């Protein structure tokens, strides 16, 4: 592979390893939460309350970090203008901190109205009061994450991924501590854990700035053209993210009027989906964006196209079998991970039902992650925002349609919300791939198509093997069904893909051996 792809692969390996640990911590966190609360009204209130802090972070810090800050900061580094880079970082950090503080303060004052009219109108008055209390506690995490997210972007622009990848592990540890404190604080322990975890997320990254020559100047940077460029690039991205978050809010509103536990079932299922998505797509996308941005800054569009095509092949090779495994093994996975304590068989059914429909969207979510980063590297935030807004608008329409259709046929309606998300994301993926191929003058379609065909061949063999496995161990313990199926499915997929000539399958052992020799 060309050097940029080697660089992405090495960086992605570091991030993937840390993400695996983070997801193990995330699973432990979710297991503790599920054991303490099950799919209950208390947990519904927690998931509804945490949505607004997540929205604030995603819109402000996420918008600046993902679409605007890293490409521009990387441009300064490519030109060896470190003073300009730190002036940009100072201005953006100050603006993000002040914006989140002001908006968070207003949200705390208006919390009762926000909960009753937006977040959970279908909740009972007592559940709404609990949601308000939790929301006010967790709003502080948005401000902390705003600064921490930008510190993460600074590290990534320097091709340093270890500390930013460790930070989410500590965030999960904070929430785990809150879950363990449930006998004392109840569900409010989770809210305290969120804030504590956000603090650790920031603190662990600060020592890494010492070797970067970091210089913070207390300034808004409004007279700095680079800061204004961040704002310009961020604007369309924030609008697009607002549409995505609006979709999540609509799902919460719809789920709040469904049978008790529907929101928890939907949320836990989506969290399970994000485990492979984080390890596969987000890790690779985080590693790839600085490289893409550097190639664009140097005018290396041919190299950028090759790096993106190679990255897509890797994404597809990893996400296709993960999607198949989640779909077929969904119930034993949920039983293995969560069915204990207050998380009973009904809770398992609620989560597994939603996971069945979320799983088919894993490939779409994964590809969208990496293609969006390519557009950001090109300083183009409008295109992914426009496509994303259209997809999420369709998602809302399909959510209303499918939830009613499922209910009319005696099916749990929250499954319709998951299906709508997967269909809309698949269409978003198709639109983005077509447009990025036009922008870059192609996307090595022949190589990507042949690679996908070999991946699908391995996926077909894996499907047959997993269905046979489920039939063979139908009455065995969930741990054997889940872990055994994962191992058998993975081995069968890799062997068949390698036999039919998959370069990605053959590259994995070579990369592992090379890593062990270091």
Protein backbone atom coordinates (compact mmCIF):
# COMPACT_ATOMS: atom_id res chain seq x y z
CA UNK A 1 0.00 0.00 0.00
CA UNK A 2 1.16 3.59 -0.52
CA UNK A 3 2.68 5.33 2.50
CA UNK A 4 -0.48 7.34 3.38
CA UNK A 5 -2.46 4.10 3.61
CA UNK A 6 0.27 2.60 5.81
CA UNK A 7 0.01 5.67 8.01
CA UNK A 8 -3.76 5.36 8.26
CA UNK A 9 -3.50 1.62 8.97
CA UNK A 10 -0.93 2.10 11.73
CA UNK A 11 -2.89 4.92 13.33
CA UNK A 12 -6.15 2.99 12.98
CA UNK A 13 -4.52 0.00 14.68
CA UNK A 14 -3.68 2.13 17.73
CA UNK A 15 -7.15 3.66 17.83
CA UNK A 16 -8.86 0.29 17.28
CA UNK A 17 -6.93 -1.29 20.15
CA UNK A 18 -7.91 1.54 22.47
CA UNK A 19 -11.48 1.46 21.17
CA UNK A 20 -11.67 -2.27 21.92
CA UNK A 21 -10.67 -1.52 25.51
CA UNK A 22 -13.11 1.40 25.58
CA UNK A 23 -15.91 -0.80 24.32
CA UNK A 24 -15.08 -3.46 26.88
CA UNK A 25 -15.40 -0.74 29.50
CA UNK A 26 -18.60 0.41 27.79
CA UNK A 27 -20.00 -3.10 27.94
CA UNK A 28 -19.11 -3.37 31.60
CA UNK A 29 -20.79 0.00 32.15
CA UNK A 30 -23.94 -1.11 30.34
CA UNK A 31 -24.00 -4.44 32.18
CA UNK A 32 -23.85 -2.64 35.52
CA UNK A 33 -26.57 -0.22 34.45
CA UNK A 34 -28.78 -3.01 33.12
CA UNK A 35 -28.32 -5.06 36.29
CA UNK A 36 -29.25 -2.09 38.45
CA UNK A 37 -32.22 -0.76 36.47
CA UNK A 38 -33.28 -3.19 33.70
CA UNK A 39 -35.49 -1.70 30.98
CA UNK A 40 -37.28 0.52 33.49
CA UNK A 41 -38.90 3.92 33.75
CA UNK A 42 -35.92 5.24 35.74
CA UNK A 43 -33.57 4.25 32.93
CA UNK A 44 -35.94 5.74 30.33
CA UNK A 45 -35.67 9.05 32.24
CA UNK A 46 -31.85 8.84 32.24
CA UNK A 47 -31.66 8.16 28.50
CA UNK A 48 -34.10 10.99 27.77
CA UNK A 49 -32.16 13.42 30.00
CA UNK A 50 -28.71 12.64 28.58
CA UNK A 51 -29.90 13.37 25.06
CA UNK A 52 -29.68 17.17 25.45
CA UNK A 53 -26.09 17.25 26.81
CA UNK A 54 -25.13 14.94 23.96
CA UNK A 55 -26.80 17.28 21.47
CA UNK A 56 -24.99 20.34 22.82
CA UNK A 57 -21.61 18.64 22.60
CA UNK A 58 -22.29 17.21 19.15
CA UNK A 59 -23.55 20.48 17.67
CA UNK A 60 -20.83 22.77 19.03
CA UNK A 61 -17.65 20.83 19.77
CA UNK A 62 -18.47 17.94 17.43
CA UNK A 63 -19.30 20.30 14.58
CA UNK A 64 -16.10 22.28 14.99
CA UNK A 65 -13.87 19.26 15.56
CA UNK A 66 -15.12 16.89 12.88
CA UNK A 67 -15.69 19.24 9.97
CA UNK A 68 -13.64 22.38 10.40
CA UNK A 69 -11.03 22.52 13.15
CA UNK A 70 -8.84 19.51 12.29
CA UNK A 71 -8.52 20.28 8.54
CA UNK A 72 -7.60 23.93 9.20
CA UNK A 73 -5.32 23.14 12.15
CA UNK A 74 -3.62 20.43 10.04
CA UNK A 75 -3.15 23.00 7.27
CA UNK A 76 -1.18 25.25 9.62
CA UNK A 77 0.99 22.31 10.68
CA UNK A 78 1.60 21.32 7.04
CA UNK A 79 2.84 24.89 6.39
CA UNK A 80 4.95 24.73 9.58
CA UNK A 81 3.07 27.70 11.02
CA UNK A 82 2.74 26.51 14.61
CA UNK A 83 2.07 29.98 15.98
CA UNK A 84 -0.92 30.31 13.67
CA UNK A 85 -2.12 26.85 14.67
CA UNK A 86 -2.14 27.72 18.38
CA UNK A 87 -3.83 31.07 17.77
CA UNK A 88 -6.59 29.15 15.98
CA UNK A 89 -6.84 26.58 18.79
CA UNK A 90 -7.04 29.32 21.45
CA UNK A 91 -9.83 31.20 19.72
CA UNK A 92 -11.92 28.12 19.00
CA UNK A 93 -11.47 26.75 22.54
CA UNK A 94 -12.65 30.03 24.10
CA UNK A 95 -15.66 30.29 21.80
CA UNK A 96 -16.70 26.69 22.39
CA UNK A 97 -16.36 27.04 26.17
CA UNK A 98 -18.40 30.26 26.34
CA UNK A 99 -21.07 29.02 23.93
CA UNK A 100 -21.64 25.77 25.78
CA UNK A 101 -21.66 27.51 29.17
CA UNK A 102 -24.31 30.02 28.08
CA UNK A 103 -26.49 27.49 26.27
CA UNK A 104 -26.14 24.96 29.11
CA UNK A 105 -27.16 27.57 31.67
CA UNK A 106 -30.25 28.49 29.68
CA UNK A 107 -31.12 24.81 29.26
CA UNK A 108 -30.92 24.29 33.03
CA UNK A 109 -33.35 27.17 33.61
CA UNK A 110 -35.76 25.93 30.94
CA UNK A 111 -35.36 22.24 31.80
CA UNK A 112 -39.01 21.63 32.87
CA UNK A 113 -40.29 23.08 29.60
CA UNK A 114 -37.69 21.22 27.52
CA UNK A 115 -38.57 17.88 29.11
CA UNK A 116 -42.36 18.27 28.99
CA UNK A 117 -42.50 19.68 25.47
CA UNK A 118 -39.49 18.16 23.69
CA UNK A 119 -37.59 15.34 25.38
CA UNK A 120 -40.33 13.23 26.95
CA UNK A 121 -43.87 14.55 26.50
CA UNK A 122 -45.23 11.02 26.88
CA UNK A 123 -43.76 10.52 30.36
CA UNK A 124 -45.84 10.75 33.52
CA UNK A 125 -45.39 13.92 35.68
CA UNK A 126 -43.20 12.00 38.14
CA UNK A 127 -41.00 10.64 35.34
CA UNK A 128 -40.71 14.12 33.83
CA UNK A 129 -39.63 15.57 37.20
CA UNK A 130 -36.92 12.90 37.47
CA UNK A 131 -35.78 13.64 33.92
CA UNK A 132 -35.49 17.37 34.73
CA UNK A 133 -33.35 16.61 37.78
CA UNK A 134 -31.03 14.33 35.81
CA UNK A 135 -30.76 16.80 32.95
CA UNK A 136 -29.63 19.63 35.18
CA UNK A 137 -26.97 17.45 36.76
CA UNK A 138 -25.52 16.31 33.43
CA UNK A 139 -25.43 19.64 31.59
CA UNK A 140 -22.00 20.39 33.11
CA UNK A 141 -20.56 17.49 31.11
CA UNK A 142 -21.31 19.33 27.84
CA UNK A 143 -18.95 22.19 28.73
CA UNK A 144 -16.20 19.81 29.80
CA UNK A 145 -16.56 17.69 26.67
CA UNK A 146 -16.45 20.82 24.51
CA UNK A 147 -12.90 21.59 25.65
CA UNK A 148 -11.90 17.93 25.75
CA UNK A 149 -13.12 17.37 22.19
CA UNK A 150 -10.92 20.14 20.86
CA UNK A 151 -7.90 18.85 22.78
CA UNK A 152 -8.61 15.51 21.12
CA UNK A 153 -8.61 17.24 17.73
CA UNK A 154 -5.23 18.84 18.45
CA UNK A 155 -3.71 15.45 19.29
CA UNK A 156 -5.20 13.83 16.18
CA UNK A 157 -3.90 16.60 13.92
CA UNK A 158 -0.42 15.78 15.27
CA UNK A 159 -1.01 12.11 14.32
CA UNK A 160 -1.19 11.24 18.02
CA UNK A 161 -4.11 8.95 18.79
CA UNK A 162 -3.31 7.09 22.01
CA UNK A 163 -4.43 9.56 24.69
CA UNK A 164 -7.60 10.60 22.79
CA UNK A 165 -8.45 6.92 22.42
CA UNK A 166 -7.88 6.24 26.13
CA UNK A 167 -10.11 9.15 27.18
CA UNK A 168 -13.43 7.36 26.41
CA UNK A 169 -12.31 4.44 28.58
CA UNK A 170 -12.11 6.76 31.58
CA UNK A 171 -15.47 8.29 30.70
CA UNK A 172 -17.00 4.83 30.85
CA UNK A 173 -15.23 4.19 34.15
CA UNK A 174 -16.86 7.33 35.56
CA UNK A 175 -20.33 6.10 34.63
CA UNK A 176 -19.52 2.63 36.00
CA UNK A 177 -18.69 4.23 39.34
CA UNK A 178 -22.05 6.01 39.17
CA UNK A 179 -23.83 2.72 38.44
CA UNK A 180 -22.13 1.04 41.39
CA UNK A 181 -23.36 3.92 43.55
CA UNK A 182 -26.98 3.22 42.53
CA UNK A 183 -27.89 1.68 45.93
CA UNK A 184 -27.04 5.05 47.51
CA UNK A 185 -27.97 7.63 44.87
CA UNK A 186 -30.36 5.69 42.65
CA UNK A 187 -30.39 6.71 38.99
CA UNK A 188 -28.84 10.07 39.96
CA UNK A 189 -25.62 8.15 40.51
CA UNK A 190 -25.44 7.72 36.73
CA UNK A 191 -25.71 11.49 36.28
CA UNK A 192 -22.87 12.09 38.77
CA UNK A 193 -20.85 9.45 36.93
CA UNK A 194 -21.36 11.22 33.59
CA UNK A 195 -19.88 14.47 34.94
CA UNK A 196 -16.99 12.68 36.68
CA UNK A 197 -16.26 10.66 33.55
CA UNK A 198 -16.22 13.83 31.42
CA UNK A 199 -13.63 15.36 33.78
CA UNK A 200 -11.38 12.31 33.47
CA UNK A 201 -11.90 12.41 29.66
CA UNK A 202 -10.31 15.89 29.64
CA UNK A 203 -7.65 15.50 32.33
CA UNK A 204 -6.03 12.41 30.82
CA UNK A 205 -5.33 14.28 27.56
CA UNK A 206 -3.76 17.42 29.04
CA UNK A 207 -0.28 16.01 29.76
CA UNK A 208 0.12 15.15 26.07
CA UNK A 209 -0.03 18.82 25.12
CA UNK A 210 3.31 19.54 26.79
CA UNK A 211 5.30 18.03 23.97
CA UNK A 212 3.28 19.85 21.32
CA UNK A 213 4.43 23.35 22.21
CA UNK A 214 0.87 24.20 23.16
CA UNK A 215 0.19 27.85 23.88
CA UNK A 216 -3.27 29.03 24.97
CA UNK A 217 -4.11 32.72 24.70
CA UNK A 218 -7.38 33.91 26.30
CA UNK A 219 -8.99 35.39 23.20
CA UNK A 220 -12.19 35.04 21.22
CA UNK A 221 -10.16 35.21 18.02
CA UNK A 222 -12.88 37.07 16.17
CA UNK A 223 -10.21 39.09 14.33
CA UNK A 224 -8.47 35.85 13.26
CA UNK A 225 -9.44 34.82 9.68
CA UNK A 226 -8.78 31.15 10.54
CA UNK A 227 -11.25 31.24 13.44
CA UNK A 228 -13.82 32.82 11.14
CA UNK A 229 -13.12 30.07 8.58
CA UNK A 230 -13.83 27.47 11.27
CA UNK A 231 -17.15 29.19 11.96
CA UNK A 232 -18.00 29.26 8.24
CA UNK A 233 -17.18 25.59 7.73
CA UNK A 234 -18.88 24.69 10.97
CA UNK A 235 -22.18 26.40 10.09
CA UNK A 236 -23.47 23.88 7.54
CA UNK A 237 -22.19 21.00 9.67
CA UNK A 238 -24.04 22.25 12.75
CA UNK A 239 -27.20 22.55 10.68
CA UNK A 240 -26.84 18.99 9.46
CA UNK A 241 -26.12 17.69 12.94
CA UNK A 242 -29.17 19.57 14.21
CA UNK A 243 -31.30 17.60 11.74
CA UNK A 244 -29.74 14.33 12.93
CA UNK A 245 -30.32 15.22 16.57
CA UNK A 246 -33.88 16.27 15.74
CA UNK A 247 -34.40 12.76 14.44
CA UNK A 248 -33.13 11.30 17.71
CA UNK A 249 -35.48 13.60 19.62
CA UNK A 250 -38.42 12.48 17.51
CA UNK A 251 -37.50 8.87 18.23
CA UNK A 252 -37.44 9.66 21.96
CA UNK A 253 -40.82 11.39 21.71
CA UNK A 254 -42.31 8.46 19.80
CA UNK A 255 -40.74 5.87 22.12
CA UNK A 256 -41.93 7.74 25.23
CA UNK A 257 -45.51 6.99 24.14
CA UNK A 258 -44.81 3.30 23.51
CA UNK A 259 -44.94 0.48 26.11
CA UNK A 260 -42.66 0.92 29.13
CA UNK A 261 -39.07 0.00 28.39
CA UNK A 262 -39.29 0.75 24.65
CA UNK A 263 -36.93 3.73 24.89
CA UNK A 264 -34.45 1.75 26.97
CA UNK A 265 -34.65 -1.19 24.55
CA UNK A 266 -34.07 1.09 21.57
CA UNK A 267 -31.18 2.90 23.28
CA UNK A 268 -29.39 -0.23 24.47
CA UNK A 269 -29.75 -1.82 21.01
CA UNK A 270 -28.22 1.25 19.37
CA UNK A 271 -25.38 1.19 21.91
CA UNK A 272 -24.67 -2.42 20.95
CA UNK A 273 -24.60 -1.36 17.29
CA UNK A 274 -22.12 1.41 18.06
CA UNK A 275 -19.63 -1.04 19.56
CA UNK A 276 -18.45 -2.51 16.22
CA UNK A 277 -19.10 0.82 14.51
CA UNK A 278 -16.74 2.57 16.93
CA UNK A 279 -14.01 -0.06 16.65
CA UNK A 280 -14.28 -0.29 12.86
CA UNK A 281 -15.54 2.94 11.34
CA UNK A 282 -14.91 5.61 13.92
CA UNK A 283 -11.40 4.39 14.69
CA UNK A 284 -10.44 4.32 11.02
CA UNK A 285 -12.17 7.64 10.32
CA UNK A 286 -10.36 9.35 13.22
CA UNK A 287 -7.05 7.99 11.94
CA UNK A 288 -7.78 8.89 8.30
CA UNK A 289 -9.00 12.50 8.61
CA UNK A 290 -5.60 14.09 9.44
CA UNK A 291 -4.01 12.18 6.53
CA UNK A 292 -6.78 13.18 4.12
CA UNK A 293 -6.52 16.81 5.28
CA UNK A 294 -2.73 16.81 4.86
CA UNK A 295 -3.02 15.35 1.34
CA UNK A 296 -5.55 17.99 0.34
CA UNK A 297 -3.41 20.77 1.82
CA UNK A 298 -0.52 19.56 -0.34
CA UNK A 299 -2.68 19.23 -3.47
CA UNK A 300 -2.31 15.42 -3.60
CA UNK A 301 -5.79 14.53 -4.85
CA UNK A 302 -4.71 11.34 -6.63
CA UNK A 303 -3.11 10.07 -3.43
CA UNK A 304 -6.20 11.10 -1.46
CA UNK A 305 -8.43 9.14 -3.83
CA UNK A 306 -6.25 6.03 -3.47
CA UNK A 307 -6.16 6.35 0.32
CA UNK A 308 -9.95 6.75 0.50
CA UNK A 309 -10.58 3.78 -1.80
CA UNK A 310 -8.24 1.56 0.21
CA UNK A 311 -9.88 2.69 3.44
CA UNK A 312 -13.35 1.91 2.07
CA UNK A 313 -12.27 -1.61 1.16
CA UNK A 314 -11.08 -2.15 4.72
CA UNK A 315 -14.29 -0.69 6.17
CA UNK A 316 -16.45 -3.00 4.06
CA UNK A 317 -14.31 -6.04 4.87
CA UNK A 318 -14.81 -5.46 8.60
CA UNK A 319 -18.39 -4.14 8.72
CA UNK A 320 -20.12 -6.76 6.54
CA UNK A 321 -19.33 -9.75 8.81
CA UNK A 322 -20.03 -7.65 11.89
CA UNK A 323 -23.48 -6.80 10.55
CA UNK A 324 -24.22 -10.47 9.82
CA UNK A 325 -23.02 -11.56 13.24
CA UNK A 326 -25.12 -8.97 15.08
CA UNK A 327 -28.22 -9.90 13.10
CA UNK A 328 -28.01 -13.67 13.54
CA UNK A 329 -26.58 -13.78 17.07
CA UNK A 330 -28.53 -10.80 18.44
CA UNK A 331 -30.48 -12.64 21.15
CA UNK A 332 -27.65 -14.71 22.65
CA UNK A 333 -25.49 -11.57 22.57
CA UNK A 334 -28.07 -9.59 24.55
CA UNK A 335 -28.61 -12.47 27.00
CA UNK A 336 -24.86 -12.93 27.46
CA UNK A 337 -24.20 -9.25 28.06
CA UNK A 338 -27.20 -8.02 29.99
CA UNK A 339 -29.74 -10.57 31.21
CA UNK A 340 -29.18 -10.48 34.95
CA UNK A 341 -30.57 -8.57 37.91
CA UNK A 342 -33.48 -6.34 36.86
CA UNK A 343 -32.75 -7.00 33.19
CA UNK A 344 -35.19 -9.86 32.58
CA UNK A 345 -36.41 -11.82 29.53
CA UNK A 346 -38.79 -9.02 28.54
CA UNK A 347 -35.89 -6.56 28.54
CA UNK A 348 -33.91 -8.97 26.36
CA UNK A 349 -36.75 -9.24 23.85
CA UNK A 350 -37.10 -5.44 23.65
CA UNK A 351 -33.40 -4.96 22.94
CA UNK A 352 -32.99 -7.93 20.55
CA UNK A 353 -36.01 -6.84 18.51
CA UNK A 354 -34.57 -3.37 17.89
CA UNK A 355 -31.07 -4.77 17.32
CA UNK A 356 -32.33 -6.97 14.47
CA UNK A 357 -33.23 -3.87 12.46
CA UNK A 358 -30.28 -1.75 13.56
CA UNK A 359 -27.80 -4.48 12.57
CA UNK A 360 -28.67 -4.27 8.88
CA UNK A 361 -27.61 -0.62 8.92
CA UNK A 362 -24.08 -1.16 10.27
CA UNK A 363 -22.43 -1.08 6.83
CA UNK A 364 -24.21 2.17 5.96
CA UNK A 365 -23.21 3.83 9.24
CA UNK A 366 -19.59 2.72 8.80
CA UNK A 367 -19.21 3.95 5.22
CA UNK A 368 -20.89 7.28 6.00
CA UNK A 369 -18.34 7.86 8.78
CA UNK A 370 -15.34 7.63 6.44
CA UNK A 371 -16.82 9.33 3.35
CA UNK A 372 -18.00 12.28 5.44
CA UNK A 373 -14.43 12.69 6.73
CA UNK A 374 -13.17 12.82 3.14
CA UNK A 375 -15.53 15.70 2.39
CA UNK A 376 -14.41 17.53 5.54
CA UNK A 377 -10.78 17.14 4.46
CA UNK A 378 -11.74 18.84 1.18
CA UNK A 379 -13.16 21.76 3.22
CA UNK A 380 -16.60 20.78 1.96
CA UNK A 381 -19.14 20.57 4.76
CA UNK A 382 -22.16 21.48 2.67
CA UNK A 383 -22.43 18.26 0.66
CA UNK A 384 -22.49 15.72 3.55
CA UNK A 385 -24.78 18.07 5.47
CA UNK A 386 -27.27 18.32 2.60
CA UNK A 387 -27.27 14.56 2.02
CA UNK A 388 -27.48 13.88 5.75
CA UNK A 389 -30.36 16.30 6.21
CA UNK A 390 -32.28 14.65 3.37
CA UNK A 391 -31.61 11.20 4.83
CA UNK A 392 -32.70 12.20 8.31
CA UNK A 393 -35.86 13.84 6.98
CA UNK A 394 -36.64 10.54 5.28
CA UNK A 395 -35.79 8.80 8.56
CA UNK A 396 -38.44 10.82 10.41
CA UNK A 397 -41.06 10.02 7.79
CA UNK A 398 -40.20 6.32 7.81
CA UNK A 399 -40.17 6.28 11.63
CA UNK A 400 -43.74 7.54 11.76
CA UNK A 401 -44.79 5.12 9.02
CA UNK A 402 -43.04 1.98 10.27
CA UNK A 403 -43.90 2.43 13.96
CA UNK A 404 -47.59 2.63 13.06
CA UNK A 405 -47.28 -0.25 10.60
CA UNK A 406 -45.57 -2.45 13.19
CA UNK A 407 -48.17 -1.62 15.86
CA UNK A 408 -51.04 -2.31 13.44
CA UNK A 409 -49.63 -5.79 12.81
CA UNK A 410 -49.13 -6.63 16.48
CA UNK A 411 -45.36 -6.05 16.45
CA UNK A 412 -43.40 -3.99 18.96
CA UNK A 413 -43.43 -0.53 17.35
CA UNK A 414 -39.95 0.53 18.46
CA UNK A 415 -38.54 -1.94 15.93
CA UNK A 416 -39.96 0.28 13.19
CA UNK A 417 -37.85 3.18 14.45
CA UNK A 418 -34.69 1.06 14.12
CA UNK A 419 -35.62 -0.11 10.61
CA UNK A 420 -36.26 3.48 9.49
CA UNK A 421 -32.79 4.48 10.68
CA UNK A 422 -31.08 1.68 8.75
CA UNK A 423 -32.89 2.39 5.49
CA UNK A 424 -32.24 6.14 5.65
CA UNK A 425 -28.55 5.59 6.45
CA UNK A 426 -28.15 3.18 3.51
CA UNK A 427 -29.54 5.82 1.13
CA UNK A 428 -27.25 8.43 2.69
CA UNK A 429 -24.27 6.15 2.04
CA UNK A 430 -25.20 5.72 -1.62
CA UNK A 431 -25.58 9.46 -2.14
CA UNK A 432 -22.27 10.33 -0.49
CA UNK A 433 -20.33 7.66 -2.41
CA UNK A 434 -21.68 8.89 -5.72
CA UNK A 435 -20.83 12.52 -4.98
CA UNK A 436 -17.32 11.90 -3.58
CA UNK A 437 -16.52 9.78 -6.65
CA UNK A 438 -17.53 12.69 -8.89
CA UNK A 439 -15.46 15.13 -6.82
CA UNK A 440 -12.30 12.99 -6.92
CA UNK A 441 -12.66 11.80 -10.51
CA UNK A 442 -13.51 8.24 -9.55
CA UNK A 443 -13.04 5.99 -6.57
CA UNK A 444 -11.19 2.97 -7.99
CA UNK A 445 -14.61 1.39 -8.47
CA UNK A 446 -13.29 -1.79 -10.07
CA UNK A 447 -10.97 -2.61 -7.16
CA UNK A 448 -13.59 -1.69 -4.55
CA UNK A 449 -16.28 -3.76 -6.31
CA UNK A 450 -14.09 -6.88 -6.59
CA UNK A 451 -13.07 -6.49 -2.96
CA UNK A 452 -16.72 -6.18 -1.90
CA UNK A 453 -17.66 -9.28 -3.94
CA UNK A 454 -15.02 -11.34 -2.14
CA UNK A 455 -16.17 -9.94 1.20
CA UNK A 456 -19.77 -10.89 0.41
CA UNK A 457 -18.61 -14.40 -0.52
CA UNK A 458 -17.10 -14.76 2.92
CA UNK A 459 -20.26 -13.25 4.43
CA UNK A 460 -22.47 -15.83 2.68
CA UNK A 461 -20.37 -18.69 4.05
CA UNK A 462 -20.47 -17.09 7.50
CA UNK A 463 -24.28 -16.84 7.36
CA UNK A 464 -24.66 -20.54 6.55
CA UNK A 465 -22.22 -21.49 9.31
CA UNK A 466 -23.97 -19.36 11.95
CA UNK A 467 -27.45 -20.66 11.09
CA UNK A 468 -26.14 -24.21 11.35
CA UNK A 469 -24.46 -23.35 14.66
CA UNK A 470 -27.70 -21.93 16.13
CA UNK A 471 -29.55 -25.09 15.10
CA UNK A 472 -26.85 -27.27 16.67
CA UNK A 473 -26.71 -25.48 20.03
CA UNK A 474 -30.33 -24.36 20.30
CA UNK A 475 -30.71 -25.33 23.96
CA UNK A 476 -27.17 -24.55 25.14
CA UNK A 477 -26.16 -21.67 27.47
CA UNK A 478 -26.11 -18.17 25.94
CA UNK A 479 -22.38 -17.72 26.58
CA UNK A 480 -21.59 -20.78 24.47
CA UNK A 481 -23.99 -19.78 21.70
CA UNK A 482 -22.75 -16.18 21.55
CA UNK A 483 -19.00 -16.64 22.01
CA UNK A 484 -18.86 -19.86 20.00
CA UNK A 485 -20.87 -18.35 17.18
CA UNK A 486 -18.68 -15.25 17.09
CA UNK A 487 -15.51 -17.35 16.89
CA UNK A 488 -16.86 -19.79 14.29
CA UNK A 489 -18.42 -17.06 12.16
CA UNK A 490 -15.24 -14.97 12.19
CA UNK A 491 -12.98 -17.86 11.25
CA UNK A 492 -15.27 -19.09 8.45
CA UNK A 493 -15.60 -15.58 7.04
CA UNK A 494 -11.86 -14.97 7.02
CA UNK A 495 -10.99 -18.37 5.54
CA UNK A 496 -13.49 -18.14 2.68
CA UNK A 497 -12.62 -14.50 1.95
CA UNK A 498 -8.93 -15.41 1.81
CA UNK A 499 -9.59 -18.42 -0.43
CA UNK A 500 -11.49 -16.31 -2.97
CA UNK A 501 -8.62 -13.82 -3.12
CA UNK A 502 -9.47 -11.05 -0.68
CA UNK A 503 -6.41 -8.83 -0.27
CA UNK A 504 -7.78 -7.52 3.03
CA UNK A 505 -8.06 -11.06 4.45
CA UNK A 506 -4.49 -11.83 3.43
CA UNK A 507 -3.18 -8.54 4.79
CA UNK A 508 -4.46 -9.10 8.35
CA UNK A 509 -1.97 -11.88 9.29
CA UNK A 510 0.91 -9.91 7.73
CA UNK A 511 -0.02 -6.79 9.72
CA UNK A 512 -0.33 -8.85 12.92
CA UNK A 513 3.09 -10.44 12.41
CA UNK A 514 4.66 -7.07 11.61
CA UNK A 515 3.13 -5.60 14.76
CA UNK A 516 4.45 -8.45 16.91
CA UNK A 517 7.98 -7.94 15.55
CA UNK A 518 8.04 -4.28 16.62
